[in-house]
Amino acid sequence: MMELLWILIDDAFFAAIPAVGFAMVFNVPVRFLKYCAIAGAIGHSFRRFLLHFDFPIEWATFAAAALIGIITISFAKRHLAPPLMYAVAAIIPMIPGSYAFNTVIGLVQLSAQSEVSAELTAFVITNGLKTVFILGALSVGLAMPSLLYYRTRPVI
């Protein structure tokens, strides 16, 4: 249990760094950078927590993005700022770079071969679908809390 806690703290720390970096790229005011870091750290470590308990990465990413959406709505209400100011920077550490990289590398290898390899084709399709589903989970998970919170009519 203590080992999991240290993994989550480590993950939160190293997820907060790119969240702050991208917030600076997106010209977030300095006084709000710590909130971008907090949202990114909580979201990424929550995804790592779910992955530790064998959730699929797509569902863990969806839940973490929804949590980031909820957190950033509360930050936005407190500071009278748009929630996306916090959320976009906080969500960037969860972008599936390794899956996208492996997909592109596999596509380049497929185009360089004279005949199609079934293993390489399966590798490209698997990584490509994981990339697409993780990106979809990020976008839907981030949008869902806002759609429910700012809804003017009842859901039911």
N, C-alpha and C. Protein backbone atom coordinates (compact mmCIF):
# COMPACT_ATOMS: atom_id res chain seq x y z
N MET A 1 0.83 -1.20 0.00
CA MET A 1 0.00 0.00 0.00
C MET A 1 0.87 1.25 0.00
N MET A 2 1.93 1.24 0.80
CA MET A 2 2.83 2.39 0.85
C MET A 2 3.54 2.59 -0.48
N GLU A 3 3.86 1.48 -1.14
CA GLU A 3 4.51 1.57 -2.45
C GLU A 3 3.60 2.23 -3.47
N LEU A 4 2.32 1.89 -3.45
CA LEU A 4 1.35 2.51 -4.36
C LEU A 4 1.26 4.01 -4.09
N LEU A 5 1.27 4.41 -2.83
CA LEU A 5 1.20 5.82 -2.50
C LEU A 5 2.39 6.58 -3.05
N TRP A 6 3.59 6.00 -2.94
CA TRP A 6 4.77 6.66 -3.49
C TRP A 6 4.72 6.73 -5.01
N ILE A 7 4.19 5.70 -5.65
CA ILE A 7 4.03 5.71 -7.11
C ILE A 7 3.08 6.83 -7.53
N LEU A 8 1.99 6.98 -6.78
CA LEU A 8 1.01 8.02 -7.13
C LEU A 8 1.57 9.42 -6.88
N ILE A 9 2.33 9.59 -5.82
CA ILE A 9 2.95 10.90 -5.55
C ILE A 9 3.97 11.23 -6.63
N ASP A 10 4.77 10.25 -7.01
CA ASP A 10 5.75 10.43 -8.08
C ASP A 10 5.05 10.78 -9.39
N ASP A 11 3.98 10.06 -9.70
CA ASP A 11 3.23 10.29 -10.91
C ASP A 11 2.60 11.68 -10.91
N ALA A 12 2.07 12.09 -9.78
CA ALA A 12 1.45 13.41 -9.68
C ALA A 12 2.48 14.51 -9.89
N PHE A 13 3.65 14.36 -9.29
CA PHE A 13 4.69 15.36 -9.44
C PHE A 13 5.12 15.50 -10.89
N PHE A 14 5.37 14.36 -11.54
CA PHE A 14 5.86 14.42 -12.92
C PHE A 14 4.76 14.71 -13.94
N ALA A 15 3.50 14.67 -13.54
CA ALA A 15 2.41 15.10 -14.42
C ALA A 15 2.16 16.59 -14.27
N ALA A 16 2.46 17.15 -13.11
CA ALA A 16 2.24 18.57 -12.88
C ALA A 16 3.21 19.42 -13.71
N ILE A 17 4.40 18.91 -13.96
CA ILE A 17 5.41 19.68 -14.70
C ILE A 17 4.95 19.99 -16.12
N PRO A 18 4.55 19.01 -16.95
CA PRO A 18 4.08 19.38 -18.29
C PRO A 18 2.76 20.16 -18.26
N ALA A 19 1.94 19.94 -17.26
CA ALA A 19 0.70 20.72 -17.17
C ALA A 19 1.02 22.21 -17.00
N VAL A 20 1.96 22.52 -16.16
CA VAL A 20 2.37 23.92 -15.98
C VAL A 20 3.06 24.43 -17.24
N GLY A 21 3.88 23.61 -17.84
CA GLY A 21 4.57 24.03 -19.06
C GLY A 21 3.61 24.38 -20.18
N PHE A 22 2.62 23.53 -20.40
CA PHE A 22 1.66 23.82 -21.45
C PHE A 22 0.73 24.97 -21.06
N ALA A 23 0.46 25.14 -19.78
CA ALA A 23 -0.33 26.29 -19.35
C ALA A 23 0.43 27.59 -19.66
N MET A 24 1.73 27.56 -19.49
CA MET A 24 2.53 28.74 -19.84
C MET A 24 2.52 28.97 -21.34
N VAL A 25 2.56 27.91 -22.13
CA VAL A 25 2.48 28.05 -23.58
C VAL A 25 1.14 28.65 -24.00
N PHE A 26 0.08 28.29 -23.29
CA PHE A 26 -1.26 28.79 -23.61
C PHE A 26 -1.57 30.13 -22.93
N ASN A 27 -0.56 30.79 -22.37
CA ASN A 27 -0.68 32.11 -21.75
C ASN A 27 -1.69 32.15 -20.59
N VAL A 28 -1.71 31.12 -19.79
CA VAL A 28 -2.52 31.14 -18.58
C VAL A 28 -1.84 32.10 -17.61
N PRO A 29 -2.60 32.98 -16.96
CA PRO A 29 -1.97 33.90 -16.01
C PRO A 29 -1.22 33.15 -14.90
N VAL A 30 -0.15 33.77 -14.43
CA VAL A 30 0.75 33.13 -13.47
C VAL A 30 0.01 32.70 -12.21
N ARG A 31 -0.95 33.48 -11.76
CA ARG A 31 -1.65 33.14 -10.51
C ARG A 31 -2.50 31.88 -10.64
N PHE A 32 -2.77 31.42 -11.87
CA PHE A 32 -3.58 30.22 -12.09
C PHE A 32 -2.75 28.99 -12.44
N LEU A 33 -1.45 29.13 -12.56
CA LEU A 33 -0.61 28.00 -12.95
C LEU A 33 -0.66 26.86 -11.93
N LYS A 34 -0.73 27.21 -10.65
CA LYS A 34 -0.74 26.16 -9.63
C LYS A 34 -2.01 25.32 -9.73
N TYR A 35 -3.12 25.92 -10.18
CA TYR A 35 -4.36 25.16 -10.32
C TYR A 35 -4.30 24.21 -11.52
N CYS A 36 -3.61 24.63 -12.57
CA CYS A 36 -3.39 23.72 -13.70
C CYS A 36 -2.53 22.54 -13.26
N ALA A 37 -1.51 22.83 -12.45
CA ALA A 37 -0.65 21.76 -11.96
C ALA A 37 -1.41 20.80 -11.06
N ILE A 38 -2.26 21.34 -10.19
CA ILE A 38 -3.04 20.50 -9.28
C ILE A 38 -3.99 19.60 -10.07
N ALA A 39 -4.69 20.19 -11.04
CA ALA A 39 -5.64 19.40 -11.84
C ALA A 39 -4.91 18.32 -12.65
N GLY A 40 -3.79 18.67 -13.25
CA GLY A 40 -3.02 17.68 -14.01
C GLY A 40 -2.48 16.57 -13.13
N ALA A 41 -2.00 16.94 -11.96
CA ALA A 41 -1.44 15.95 -11.04
C ALA A 41 -2.52 15.00 -10.52
N ILE A 42 -3.66 15.54 -10.13
CA ILE A 42 -4.73 14.69 -9.61
C ILE A 42 -5.27 13.78 -10.70
N GLY A 43 -5.49 14.33 -11.89
CA GLY A 43 -6.03 13.53 -12.98
C GLY A 43 -5.11 12.40 -13.40
N HIS A 44 -3.84 12.72 -13.59
CA HIS A 44 -2.90 11.69 -14.04
C HIS A 44 -2.67 10.64 -12.98
N SER A 45 -2.57 11.04 -11.72
CA SER A 45 -2.36 10.04 -10.67
C SER A 45 -3.63 9.20 -10.45
N PHE A 46 -4.80 9.78 -10.69
CA PHE A 46 -6.04 8.99 -10.62
C PHE A 46 -6.07 7.94 -11.73
N ARG A 47 -5.60 8.32 -12.91
CA ARG A 47 -5.53 7.33 -13.99
C ARG A 47 -4.54 6.22 -13.63
N ARG A 48 -3.40 6.58 -13.06
CA ARG A 48 -2.42 5.57 -12.65
C ARG A 48 -3.00 4.67 -11.57
N PHE A 49 -3.78 5.25 -10.65
CA PHE A 49 -4.44 4.47 -9.60
C PHE A 49 -5.38 3.44 -10.21
N LEU A 50 -6.19 3.85 -11.19
CA LEU A 50 -7.11 2.91 -11.84
C LEU A 50 -6.36 1.86 -12.65
N LEU A 51 -5.28 2.25 -13.30
CA LEU A 51 -4.48 1.27 -14.05
C LEU A 51 -3.84 0.25 -13.11
N HIS A 52 -3.52 0.67 -11.90
CA HIS A 52 -2.95 -0.25 -10.91
C HIS A 52 -3.93 -1.38 -10.58
N PHE A 53 -5.22 -1.07 -10.63
CA PHE A 53 -6.25 -2.06 -10.35
C PHE A 53 -6.82 -2.66 -11.63
N ASP A 54 -6.02 -2.69 -12.68
CA ASP A 54 -6.28 -3.39 -13.94
C ASP A 54 -7.49 -2.87 -14.72
N PHE A 55 -7.78 -1.58 -14.61
CA PHE A 55 -8.75 -0.97 -15.50
C PHE A 55 -8.10 -0.84 -16.88
N PRO A 56 -8.86 -0.97 -17.96
CA PRO A 56 -8.28 -0.69 -19.28
C PRO A 56 -7.87 0.78 -19.36
N ILE A 57 -6.83 1.08 -20.11
CA ILE A 57 -6.31 2.44 -20.16
C ILE A 57 -7.34 3.42 -20.73
N GLU A 58 -8.20 2.94 -21.62
CA GLU A 58 -9.21 3.82 -22.20
C GLU A 58 -10.22 4.27 -21.14
N TRP A 59 -10.70 3.34 -20.32
CA TRP A 59 -11.68 3.67 -19.29
C TRP A 59 -11.04 4.46 -18.16
N ALA A 60 -9.80 4.14 -17.83
CA ALA A 60 -9.10 4.90 -16.80
C ALA A 60 -8.87 6.34 -17.25
N THR A 61 -8.56 6.51 -18.52
CA THR A 61 -8.38 7.85 -19.06
C THR A 61 -9.69 8.62 -19.08
N PHE A 62 -10.77 7.95 -19.43
CA PHE A 62 -12.09 8.59 -19.42
C PHE A 62 -12.45 9.07 -18.02
N ALA A 63 -12.26 8.22 -17.02
CA ALA A 63 -12.59 8.60 -15.64
C ALA A 63 -11.69 9.73 -15.15
N ALA A 64 -10.42 9.69 -15.50
CA ALA A 64 -9.50 10.75 -15.07
C ALA A 64 -9.84 12.07 -15.76
N ALA A 65 -10.21 12.01 -17.04
CA ALA A 65 -10.60 13.24 -17.74
C ALA A 65 -11.88 13.82 -17.15
N ALA A 66 -12.82 12.96 -16.78
CA ALA A 66 -14.05 13.45 -16.14
C ALA A 66 -13.73 14.08 -14.79
N LEU A 67 -12.81 13.48 -14.04
CA LEU A 67 -12.40 14.06 -12.76
C LEU A 67 -11.74 15.43 -12.98
N ILE A 68 -10.90 15.55 -13.98
CA ILE A 68 -10.29 16.84 -14.30
C ILE A 68 -11.37 17.85 -14.67
N GLY A 69 -12.37 17.41 -15.41
CA GLY A 69 -13.48 18.30 -15.76
C GLY A 69 -14.20 18.82 -14.53
N ILE A 70 -14.45 17.94 -13.59
CA ILE A 70 -15.14 18.34 -12.35
C ILE A 70 -14.28 19.30 -11.53
N ILE A 71 -13.00 18.98 -11.41
CA ILE A 71 -12.09 19.83 -10.64
C ILE A 71 -11.97 21.21 -11.27
N THR A 72 -11.84 21.26 -12.59
CA THR A 72 -11.65 22.56 -13.24
C THR A 72 -12.93 23.40 -13.22
N ILE A 73 -14.09 22.76 -13.19
CA ILE A 73 -15.33 23.54 -13.03
C ILE A 73 -15.35 24.21 -11.66
N SER A 74 -14.90 23.49 -10.64
CA SER A 74 -14.88 24.11 -9.30
C SER A 74 -13.84 25.24 -9.25
N PHE A 75 -12.68 25.06 -9.89
CA PHE A 75 -11.70 26.14 -9.96
C PHE A 75 -12.28 27.35 -10.70
N ALA A 76 -12.98 27.08 -11.77
CA ALA A 76 -13.53 28.17 -12.59
C ALA A 76 -14.59 28.95 -11.82
N LYS A 77 -15.42 28.25 -11.06
CA LYS A 77 -16.43 28.95 -10.25
C LYS A 77 -15.77 29.81 -9.19
N ARG A 78 -14.72 29.30 -8.57
CA ARG A 78 -14.05 30.03 -7.49
C ARG A 78 -13.35 31.29 -8.00
N HIS A 79 -12.76 31.20 -9.20
CA HIS A 79 -11.95 32.32 -9.71
C HIS A 79 -12.62 33.10 -10.84
N LEU A 80 -13.86 32.74 -11.19
CA LEU A 80 -14.58 33.39 -12.27
C LEU A 80 -13.77 33.40 -13.57
N ALA A 81 -13.30 32.23 -13.93
CA ALA A 81 -12.50 32.05 -15.13
C ALA A 81 -13.09 30.88 -15.93
N PRO A 82 -12.77 30.79 -17.21
CA PRO A 82 -13.29 29.65 -17.99
C PRO A 82 -12.63 28.34 -17.55
N PRO A 83 -13.40 27.26 -17.46
CA PRO A 83 -12.83 25.98 -17.02
C PRO A 83 -11.77 25.44 -17.97
N LEU A 84 -11.89 25.74 -19.26
CA LEU A 84 -10.92 25.22 -20.22
C LEU A 84 -9.53 25.82 -20.01
N MET A 85 -9.46 26.95 -19.35
CA MET A 85 -8.16 27.55 -19.08
C MET A 85 -7.32 26.60 -18.22
N TYR A 86 -7.96 25.91 -17.31
CA TYR A 86 -7.27 24.94 -16.47
C TYR A 86 -7.22 23.56 -17.13
N ALA A 87 -8.31 23.18 -17.76
CA ALA A 87 -8.50 21.79 -18.19
C ALA A 87 -7.59 21.39 -19.34
N VAL A 88 -7.40 22.26 -20.30
CA VAL A 88 -6.61 21.88 -21.47
C VAL A 88 -5.17 21.58 -21.07
N ALA A 89 -4.59 22.43 -20.25
CA ALA A 89 -3.22 22.18 -19.80
C ALA A 89 -3.14 20.95 -18.91
N ALA A 90 -4.18 20.72 -18.10
CA ALA A 90 -4.16 19.58 -17.18
C ALA A 90 -4.33 18.25 -17.90
N ILE A 91 -4.96 18.26 -19.05
CA ILE A 91 -5.25 17.01 -19.76
C ILE A 91 -4.08 16.58 -20.65
N ILE A 92 -3.21 17.49 -20.99
CA ILE A 92 -2.13 17.19 -21.94
C ILE A 92 -1.19 16.08 -21.46
N PRO A 93 -0.87 15.97 -20.17
CA PRO A 93 0.01 14.85 -19.78
C PRO A 93 -0.58 13.46 -20.05
N MET A 94 -1.88 13.37 -20.32
CA MET A 94 -2.49 12.06 -20.58
C MET A 94 -2.62 11.75 -22.07
N ILE A 95 -2.08 12.58 -22.93
CA ILE A 95 -2.15 12.31 -24.37
C ILE A 95 -1.29 11.08 -24.68
N PRO A 96 -1.82 10.16 -25.47
CA PRO A 96 -1.15 8.86 -25.69
C PRO A 96 0.00 8.94 -26.70
N GLY A 97 1.09 9.57 -26.31
CA GLY A 97 2.21 9.75 -27.22
C GLY A 97 2.89 8.47 -27.65
N SER A 98 3.07 7.52 -26.75
CA SER A 98 3.78 6.28 -27.11
C SER A 98 2.96 5.43 -28.07
N TYR A 99 1.64 5.39 -27.87
CA TYR A 99 0.80 4.62 -28.79
C TYR A 99 0.79 5.26 -30.18
N ALA A 100 0.70 6.58 -30.24
CA ALA A 100 0.72 7.27 -31.53
C ALA A 100 2.07 7.08 -32.22
N PHE A 101 3.15 7.17 -31.44
CA PHE A 101 4.49 6.97 -32.00
C PHE A 101 4.64 5.57 -32.57
N ASN A 102 4.20 4.57 -31.80
CA ASN A 102 4.31 3.19 -32.29
C ASN A 102 3.46 2.96 -33.54
N THR A 103 2.32 3.63 -33.62
CA THR A 103 1.48 3.51 -34.81
C THR A 103 2.18 4.06 -36.03
N VAL A 104 2.77 5.23 -35.90
CA VAL A 104 3.45 5.87 -37.04
C VAL A 104 4.68 5.07 -37.43
N ILE A 105 5.45 4.60 -36.46
CA ILE A 105 6.63 3.78 -36.77
C ILE A 105 6.21 2.51 -37.49
N GLY A 106 5.14 1.87 -37.03
CA GLY A 106 4.65 0.67 -37.69
C GLY A 106 4.17 0.94 -39.11
N LEU A 107 3.52 2.07 -39.32
CA LEU A 107 3.08 2.43 -40.67
C LEU A 107 4.26 2.67 -41.59
N VAL A 108 5.31 3.29 -41.09
CA VAL A 108 6.51 3.50 -41.90
C VAL A 108 7.16 2.16 -42.23
N GLN A 109 7.21 1.26 -41.28
CA GLN A 109 7.78 -0.07 -41.53
C GLN A 109 6.94 -0.85 -42.53
N LEU A 110 5.60 -0.71 -42.42
CA LEU A 110 4.73 -1.38 -43.39
C LEU A 110 4.95 -0.85 -44.80
N SER A 111 5.14 0.44 -44.94
CA SER A 111 5.33 1.01 -46.27
C SER A 111 6.69 0.66 -46.85
N ALA A 112 7.66 0.37 -45.99
CA ALA A 112 9.00 0.03 -46.46
C ALA A 112 9.12 -1.44 -46.86
N GLN A 113 8.21 -2.29 -46.40
CA GLN A 113 8.28 -3.71 -46.70
C GLN A 113 7.71 -4.00 -48.08
N SER A 114 8.22 -5.05 -48.71
CA SER A 114 7.71 -5.44 -50.02
C SER A 114 6.43 -6.27 -49.89
N GLU A 115 6.28 -7.00 -48.80
CA GLU A 115 5.06 -7.76 -48.57
C GLU A 115 4.50 -7.43 -47.18
N VAL A 116 3.20 -7.59 -47.01
CA VAL A 116 2.53 -7.21 -45.78
C VAL A 116 2.74 -8.28 -44.71
N SER A 117 3.14 -7.86 -43.53
CA SER A 117 3.33 -8.75 -42.41
C SER A 117 2.09 -8.70 -41.52
N ALA A 118 1.55 -9.86 -41.19
CA ALA A 118 0.35 -9.91 -40.37
C ALA A 118 0.62 -9.39 -38.95
N GLU A 119 1.79 -9.70 -38.40
CA GLU A 119 2.13 -9.24 -37.05
C GLU A 119 2.26 -7.72 -36.99
N LEU A 120 2.93 -7.16 -38.00
CA LEU A 120 3.12 -5.72 -38.02
C LEU A 120 1.80 -4.99 -38.27
N THR A 121 0.96 -5.56 -39.10
CA THR A 121 -0.36 -4.97 -39.36
C THR A 121 -1.20 -4.98 -38.08
N ALA A 122 -1.18 -6.08 -37.36
CA ALA A 122 -1.92 -6.15 -36.09
C ALA A 122 -1.37 -5.15 -35.09
N PHE A 123 -0.04 -4.99 -35.07
CA PHE A 123 0.60 -4.02 -34.18
C PHE A 123 0.14 -2.60 -34.49
N VAL A 124 0.11 -2.26 -35.76
CA VAL A 124 -0.32 -0.91 -36.17
C VAL A 124 -1.78 -0.68 -35.83
N ILE A 125 -2.63 -1.65 -36.11
CA ILE A 125 -4.06 -1.50 -35.85
C ILE A 125 -4.32 -1.39 -34.34
N THR A 126 -3.67 -2.22 -33.56
CA THR A 126 -3.85 -2.18 -32.10
C THR A 126 -3.44 -0.83 -31.52
N ASN A 127 -2.25 -0.37 -31.89
CA ASN A 127 -1.78 0.91 -31.35
C ASN A 127 -2.60 2.08 -31.89
N GLY A 128 -3.00 2.01 -33.14
CA GLY A 128 -3.82 3.08 -33.71
C GLY A 128 -5.18 3.18 -33.04
N LEU A 129 -5.81 2.03 -32.80
CA LEU A 129 -7.11 2.05 -32.13
C LEU A 129 -6.99 2.52 -30.68
N LYS A 130 -5.93 2.10 -29.99
CA LYS A 130 -5.72 2.58 -28.62
C LYS A 130 -5.55 4.10 -28.61
N THR A 131 -4.79 4.62 -29.57
CA THR A 131 -4.60 6.07 -29.67
C THR A 131 -5.92 6.79 -29.86
N VAL A 132 -6.72 6.30 -30.80
CA VAL A 132 -8.00 6.94 -31.11
C VAL A 132 -8.95 6.86 -29.91
N PHE A 133 -9.03 5.71 -29.28
CA PHE A 133 -9.95 5.57 -28.15
C PHE A 133 -9.51 6.37 -26.93
N ILE A 134 -8.21 6.46 -26.69
CA ILE A 134 -7.73 7.28 -25.57
C ILE A 134 -8.02 8.75 -25.84
N LEU A 135 -7.79 9.21 -27.06
CA LEU A 135 -8.09 10.60 -27.39
C LEU A 135 -9.60 10.87 -27.28
N GLY A 136 -10.41 9.90 -27.71
CA GLY A 136 -11.85 10.05 -27.56
C GLY A 136 -12.27 10.08 -26.10
N ALA A 137 -11.64 9.25 -25.29
CA ALA A 137 -11.95 9.24 -23.85
C ALA A 137 -11.56 10.57 -23.21
N LEU A 138 -10.44 11.14 -23.64
CA LEU A 138 -10.03 12.44 -23.11
C LEU A 138 -11.05 13.52 -23.45
N SER A 139 -11.47 13.55 -24.70
CA SER A 139 -12.37 14.63 -25.12
C SER A 139 -13.76 14.46 -24.52
N VAL A 140 -14.31 13.27 -24.55
CA VAL A 140 -15.65 13.06 -23.99
C VAL A 140 -15.63 13.19 -22.48
N GLY A 141 -14.62 12.64 -21.84
CA GLY A 141 -14.52 12.74 -20.38
C GLY A 141 -14.36 14.16 -19.91
N LEU A 142 -13.64 14.97 -20.65
CA LEU A 142 -13.47 16.36 -20.27
C LEU A 142 -14.73 17.18 -20.53
N ALA A 143 -15.45 16.86 -21.58
CA ALA A 143 -16.65 17.63 -21.93
C ALA A 143 -17.87 17.25 -21.09
N MET A 144 -17.95 16.01 -20.66
CA MET A 144 -19.15 15.52 -19.99
C MET A 144 -19.51 16.30 -18.71
N PRO A 145 -18.59 16.57 -17.80
CA PRO A 145 -19.00 17.33 -16.60
C PRO A 145 -19.54 18.72 -16.94
N SER A 146 -18.97 19.37 -17.92
CA SER A 146 -19.47 20.69 -18.31
C SER A 146 -20.86 20.59 -18.91
N LEU A 147 -21.08 19.56 -19.71
CA LEU A 147 -22.41 19.39 -20.31
C LEU A 147 -23.47 19.14 -19.25
N LEU A 148 -23.11 18.41 -18.22
CA LEU A 148 -24.07 18.12 -17.15
C LEU A 148 -24.23 19.31 -16.20
N TYR A 149 -23.13 20.00 -15.90
CA TYR A 149 -23.19 21.08 -14.92
C TYR A 149 -23.89 22.32 -15.48
N TYR A 150 -23.58 22.67 -16.71
CA TYR A 150 -24.14 23.88 -17.29
C TYR A 150 -25.44 23.63 -18.05
N ARG A 151 -26.04 22.51 -17.86
CA ARG A 151 -27.30 22.17 -18.53
C ARG A 151 -28.43 23.00 -17.94
N THR A 152 -29.29 23.56 -18.82
CA THR A 152 -30.38 24.41 -18.35
C THR A 152 -31.67 23.62 -18.11
N ARG A 153 -31.80 22.47 -18.78
CA ARG A 153 -32.99 21.63 -18.59
C ARG A 153 -32.61 20.40 -17.78
N PRO A 154 -33.56 19.77 -17.09
CA PRO A 154 -33.24 18.56 -16.33
C PRO A 154 -32.80 17.41 -17.26
N VAL A 155 -31.94 16.55 -16.76
CA VAL A 155 -31.45 15.42 -17.54
C VAL A 155 -32.57 14.42 -17.76
N ILE A 156 -33.39 14.20 -16.75
CA ILE A 156 -34.47 13.21 -16.84
C ILE A 156 -35.78 13.91 -17.09
